[in-house]
Amino acid sequence: LYDYGMLDLAKHLLRQVLDELRPYLRAGTAVVGIEPSCVAVFRDELPNLFPHDRDARRLAGQARMLEEFLVDEGWRPPPLRGKAVVHGHCHHKAIMGLDAEAELLDAMGLNHELPATGCCGMAGSFGFEAGEKYEVGKAAGERVLLPAVREAAEDTLIVADGFSCRTMIEQETDRRALHVAEVLRMAMDGQAPGRARPEDALGDEATVGDGRPPPGRGVAAGALAAAAGAAAWGLARRSRGRLRSRAAG
């Protein structure tokens, strides 16, 4: 909406979000997301559009990426040995930073590198538009990111939280990048990267003609939700245990 100057519509939709979340925001509830561009809307764009709205400021302060939330709560992931190439979404790097993600990967024992990839080239709808924009976007990806993915060993995890970034990697290489939530799921399921393609263990986003996932394969969106929910559930269970222990004491 911002890209095409539809600021009034953007404000209207954000007011609806604030109306829905208001009781939770005022109760101090964390708002946890898995898509960097969406969390960045709450953290950066929302308070700029509504600088005098207290609930907008609350949402900006209470919105967290999944990995930030888990690190802030002191959750320790299970070990996951192996190597990973990590690409940060532009909004993620600019607004939230990648420190929490790196901390989680370190805690798993995952040997990871973050090449200076810059923008993946997709940049929202930019990389989909025919003509000069498409060529510019592809050139941006070919600068560092796409060669790094192609040069990675078969058993190396390719990690990217941004939907645009994962789309660029999938369309321009023969690899599929995993969201950090999917990496956490692998660790929680005890799946050590050892397959020719670690992403094959979680299925892919392809569907058959009627929109159903192919037989024997999961849908990536479901994997993200399941992994994020499982991590949050485990954390909540531990928190309840701590509260019971304190009450008993």
Protein backbone atom coordinates (compact mmCIF):
# COMPACT_ATOMS: atom_id res chain seq x y z
CA LEU A 1 0.00 0.00 0.00
CA TYR A 2 2.84 2.39 0.78
CA ASP A 3 4.59 1.55 -2.49
CA TYR A 4 1.56 2.71 -4.46
CA GLY A 5 0.68 5.74 -2.33
CA MET A 6 -2.41 4.22 -0.68
CA LEU A 7 -1.73 5.76 2.74
CA ASP A 8 -5.39 6.33 3.62
CA LEU A 9 -6.18 2.65 3.05
CA ALA A 10 -3.06 1.67 5.02
CA LYS A 11 -4.22 3.78 7.97
CA HIS A 12 -7.73 2.31 7.76
CA LEU A 13 -6.41 -1.26 7.94
CA LEU A 14 -4.00 -0.44 10.75
CA ARG A 15 -6.84 1.10 12.77
CA GLN A 16 -8.67 -2.21 12.41
CA VAL A 17 -5.59 -4.02 13.72
CA LEU A 18 -5.40 -1.67 16.71
CA ASP A 19 -9.12 -2.14 17.42
CA GLU A 20 -8.70 -5.93 17.49
CA LEU A 21 -5.53 -5.93 19.57
CA ARG A 22 -6.37 -3.09 21.96
CA PRO A 23 -7.37 -5.20 25.01
CA TYR A 24 -4.29 -7.41 24.61
CA LEU A 25 -1.98 -4.45 24.12
CA ARG A 26 -3.27 -2.76 27.25
CA ALA A 27 -2.77 -6.03 29.15
CA GLY A 28 0.91 -6.02 28.08
CA THR A 29 0.63 -9.13 25.88
CA ALA A 30 3.49 -9.80 23.46
CA VAL A 31 2.56 -9.88 19.76
CA VAL A 32 4.77 -12.50 18.08
CA GLY A 33 5.27 -12.69 14.31
CA ILE A 34 7.28 -14.77 11.86
CA GLU A 35 7.35 -12.45 8.81
CA PRO A 36 9.89 -9.59 9.12
CA SER A 37 8.07 -7.15 6.83
CA CYS A 38 4.86 -7.55 8.88
CA VAL A 39 6.58 -7.10 12.25
CA ALA A 40 8.42 -4.08 10.83
CA VAL A 41 5.03 -2.48 10.04
CA PHE A 42 4.20 -2.57 13.75
CA ARG A 43 7.66 -1.59 14.94
CA ASP A 44 8.43 1.24 12.52
CA GLU A 45 5.66 2.30 10.14
CA LEU A 46 2.73 2.18 12.57
CA PRO A 47 4.11 4.71 15.10
CA ASN A 48 5.14 6.98 12.21
CA LEU A 49 1.56 6.98 10.85
CA PHE A 50 -0.01 7.35 14.33
CA PRO A 51 2.59 9.27 16.38
CA HIS A 52 0.09 10.33 19.09
CA ASP A 53 -1.77 7.02 19.51
CA ARG A 54 -0.80 5.28 22.73
CA ASP A 55 -1.96 1.87 21.52
CA ALA A 56 0.14 2.27 18.36
CA ARG A 57 3.14 2.92 20.60
CA ARG A 58 2.21 -0.09 22.72
CA LEU A 59 2.07 -2.35 19.66
CA ALA A 60 5.39 -1.00 18.42
CA GLY A 61 6.93 -1.84 21.78
CA GLN A 62 5.28 -5.25 22.22
CA ALA A 63 5.73 -6.67 18.70
CA ARG A 64 8.49 -9.28 18.49
CA MET A 65 9.89 -11.64 15.93
CA LEU A 66 9.60 -15.26 17.10
CA GLU A 67 13.33 -15.52 17.71
CA GLU A 68 13.36 -12.25 19.72
CA PHE A 69 10.52 -13.52 21.88
CA LEU A 70 12.22 -16.86 22.55
CA VAL A 71 15.56 -15.22 23.40
CA ASP A 72 13.90 -12.61 25.64
CA GLU A 73 12.13 -15.42 27.54
CA GLY A 74 15.34 -17.38 27.99
CA TRP A 75 14.21 -20.41 25.95
CA ARG A 76 17.05 -22.74 24.97
CA PRO A 77 16.60 -24.73 21.74
CA PRO A 78 17.69 -28.36 21.35
CA PRO A 79 21.02 -28.94 19.57
CA LEU A 80 21.22 -29.07 15.78
CA ARG A 81 24.66 -29.74 14.38
CA GLY A 82 25.57 -28.75 10.85
CA LYS A 83 26.18 -25.71 8.67
CA ALA A 84 23.90 -22.93 7.49
CA VAL A 85 23.98 -19.92 5.19
CA VAL A 86 21.70 -17.22 6.64
CA HIS A 87 20.17 -14.35 4.68
CA GLY A 88 18.49 -11.48 6.50
CA HIS A 89 15.40 -9.76 5.09
CA CYS A 90 16.01 -6.04 4.49
CA HIS A 91 13.37 -4.93 7.04
CA HIS A 92 14.65 -7.48 9.51
CA LYS A 93 18.19 -6.13 9.31
CA ALA A 94 17.16 -2.47 9.30
CA ILE A 95 14.46 -2.49 12.00
CA MET A 96 14.87 -5.52 14.26
CA GLY A 97 18.41 -6.73 13.61
CA LEU A 98 19.59 -10.34 13.39
CA ASP A 99 21.19 -10.67 16.84
CA ALA A 100 18.39 -12.81 18.32
CA GLU A 101 18.39 -15.16 15.33
CA ALA A 102 22.16 -15.55 15.51
CA GLU A 103 21.89 -16.22 19.26
CA LEU A 104 19.37 -19.02 18.71
CA LEU A 105 21.47 -20.61 15.97
CA ASP A 106 24.54 -20.38 18.20
CA ALA A 107 22.61 -21.99 21.06
CA MET A 108 21.75 -24.91 18.76
CA GLY A 109 25.42 -25.32 17.88
CA LEU A 110 24.69 -24.63 14.22
CA ASN A 111 27.76 -23.39 12.35
CA HIS A 112 26.30 -20.49 10.37
CA GLU A 113 27.53 -17.64 8.22
CA LEU A 114 25.79 -14.40 7.25
CA PRO A 115 27.25 -13.25 3.93
CA ALA A 116 26.90 -9.53 3.09
CA THR A 117 23.99 -10.22 0.77
CA GLY A 118 22.22 -6.86 0.89
CA CYS A 119 18.77 -7.12 -0.70
CA CYS A 120 17.68 -10.42 -2.22
CA GLY A 121 16.33 -8.46 -5.20
CA MET A 122 12.67 -9.34 -4.82
CA ALA A 123 11.89 -6.29 -2.67
CA GLY A 124 8.19 -7.00 -2.29
CA SER A 125 6.46 -6.70 -5.65
CA PHE A 126 9.48 -5.03 -7.29
CA GLY A 127 11.14 -8.24 -8.44
CA PHE A 128 7.91 -9.54 -9.98
CA GLU A 129 7.39 -6.60 -12.34
CA ALA A 130 8.35 -7.24 -15.97
CA GLY A 131 11.02 -5.17 -17.69
CA GLU A 132 13.74 -3.14 -16.06
CA LYS A 133 12.62 -3.79 -12.47
CA TYR A 134 12.84 -7.56 -12.94
CA GLU A 135 16.35 -7.29 -14.36
CA VAL A 136 17.49 -4.94 -11.57
CA GLY A 137 16.07 -7.29 -8.96
CA LYS A 138 17.76 -10.32 -10.48
CA ALA A 139 21.07 -8.45 -10.66
CA ALA A 140 20.77 -7.57 -6.96
CA GLY A 141 20.26 -11.24 -6.09
CA GLU A 142 23.17 -12.31 -8.28
CA ARG A 143 25.53 -9.91 -6.53
CA VAL A 144 26.04 -12.13 -3.44
CA LEU A 145 22.98 -14.09 -2.28
CA LEU A 146 22.22 -16.39 -5.20
CA PRO A 147 25.88 -17.37 -5.84
CA ALA A 148 26.27 -18.11 -2.10
CA VAL A 149 23.23 -20.40 -2.19
CA ARG A 150 24.43 -22.21 -5.31
CA GLU A 151 27.91 -22.68 -3.84
CA ALA A 152 26.63 -24.07 -0.53
CA ALA A 153 27.12 -27.78 0.05
CA GLU A 154 24.11 -30.03 -0.42
CA ASP A 155 23.78 -30.68 3.32
CA THR A 156 24.04 -26.97 4.26
CA LEU A 157 20.87 -25.32 5.54
CA ILE A 158 19.74 -22.22 3.65
CA VAL A 159 17.94 -19.95 6.14
CA ALA A 160 15.82 -16.88 5.29
CA ASP A 161 12.90 -15.55 7.32
CA GLY A 162 11.50 -13.23 4.63
CA PHE A 163 8.84 -14.61 2.28
CA SER A 164 10.20 -12.46 -0.57
CA CYS A 165 13.71 -13.74 0.05
CA ARG A 166 12.64 -17.38 0.13
CA THR A 167 10.68 -16.84 -3.10
CA MET A 168 13.73 -15.34 -4.82
CA ILE A 169 15.95 -18.23 -3.73
CA GLU A 170 13.41 -20.85 -4.81
CA GLN A 171 12.84 -19.27 -8.23
CA GLU A 172 16.49 -18.57 -9.10
CA THR A 173 18.27 -21.61 -7.60
CA ASP A 174 17.52 -25.29 -7.06
CA ARG A 175 17.32 -24.85 -3.28
CA ARG A 176 14.48 -23.94 -0.90
CA ALA A 177 15.33 -21.71 2.04
CA LEU A 178 13.96 -22.51 5.48
CA HIS A 179 12.48 -20.08 7.98
CA VAL A 180 14.22 -20.12 11.36
CA ALA A 181 10.98 -21.61 12.78
CA GLU A 182 11.46 -24.59 10.47
CA VAL A 183 15.07 -24.91 11.65
CA LEU A 184 13.82 -24.93 15.24
CA ARG A 185 11.33 -27.63 14.29
CA MET A 186 14.15 -29.74 12.87
CA ALA A 187 16.04 -29.38 16.15
CA MET A 188 12.96 -30.19 18.24
CA ASP A 189 12.24 -33.26 16.08
CA GLY A 190 15.85 -34.43 16.39
CA GLN A 191 16.47 -34.15 12.63
CA ALA A 192 20.19 -33.61 12.12
CA PRO A 193 21.08 -32.09 8.72
CA GLY A 194 22.52 -35.07 6.92
CA ARG A 195 20.23 -35.49 3.98
CA ALA A 196 21.26 -34.34 0.52
CA ARG A 197 18.83 -31.43 0.96
CA PRO A 198 17.82 -30.64 4.58
CA GLU A 199 14.71 -28.82 3.35
CA ASP A 200 13.39 -32.08 1.88
CA ALA A 201 12.76 -33.33 5.41
CA LEU A 202 10.05 -30.67 5.82
CA GLY A 203 8.37 -30.90 2.40
CA ASP A 204 7.93 -27.92 0.10
CA GLU A 205 5.37 -25.32 -0.95
CA ALA A 206 4.34 -27.05 -4.16
CA THR A 207 0.71 -28.08 -4.59
CA VAL A 208 -1.16 -30.24 -7.07
CA GLY A 209 -3.72 -28.82 -9.48
CA ASP A 210 -6.56 -28.48 -6.97
CA GLY A 211 -4.41 -26.68 -4.41
CA ARG A 212 -3.75 -29.69 -2.15
CA PRO A 213 -0.17 -30.47 -1.12
CA PRO A 214 1.38 -33.39 -3.02
CA PRO A 215 1.09 -36.81 -1.33
CA GLY A 216 3.61 -37.23 1.48
CA ARG A 217 4.61 -33.56 1.52
CA GLY A 218 3.78 -30.81 3.97
CA VAL A 219 3.00 -27.21 3.16
CA ALA A 220 5.63 -24.72 4.30
CA ALA A 221 3.12 -22.33 5.87
CA GLY A 222 1.82 -25.17 8.04
CA ALA A 223 5.36 -26.10 9.01
CA LEU A 224 6.07 -22.52 10.09
CA ALA A 225 2.91 -22.30 12.18
CA ALA A 226 3.51 -25.71 13.74
CA ALA A 227 7.14 -24.96 14.55
CA ALA A 228 6.42 -21.52 15.98
CA GLY A 229 3.51 -22.88 18.00
CA ALA A 230 5.52 -25.82 19.31
CA ALA A 231 8.34 -23.56 20.49
CA ALA A 232 5.92 -21.15 22.14
CA TRP A 233 3.99 -24.06 23.73
CA GLY A 234 7.18 -25.51 25.14
CA LEU A 235 8.15 -22.14 26.55
CA ALA A 236 4.70 -21.62 28.08
CA ARG A 237 4.80 -25.08 29.64
CA ARG A 238 8.17 -24.35 31.23
CA SER A 239 6.89 -20.98 32.46
CA ARG A 240 3.85 -22.62 34.09
CA GLY A 241 6.18 -25.11 35.74
CA ARG A 242 8.28 -22.28 37.17
CA LEU A 243 5.14 -20.55 38.47
CA ARG A 244 3.92 -23.77 40.14
CA SER A 245 7.33 -24.25 41.72
CA ARG A 246 7.30 -20.70 43.09
CA ALA A 247 3.75 -21.16 44.42
CA ALA A 248 4.72 -24.41 46.12
CA GLY A 249 7.73 -22.74 47.71
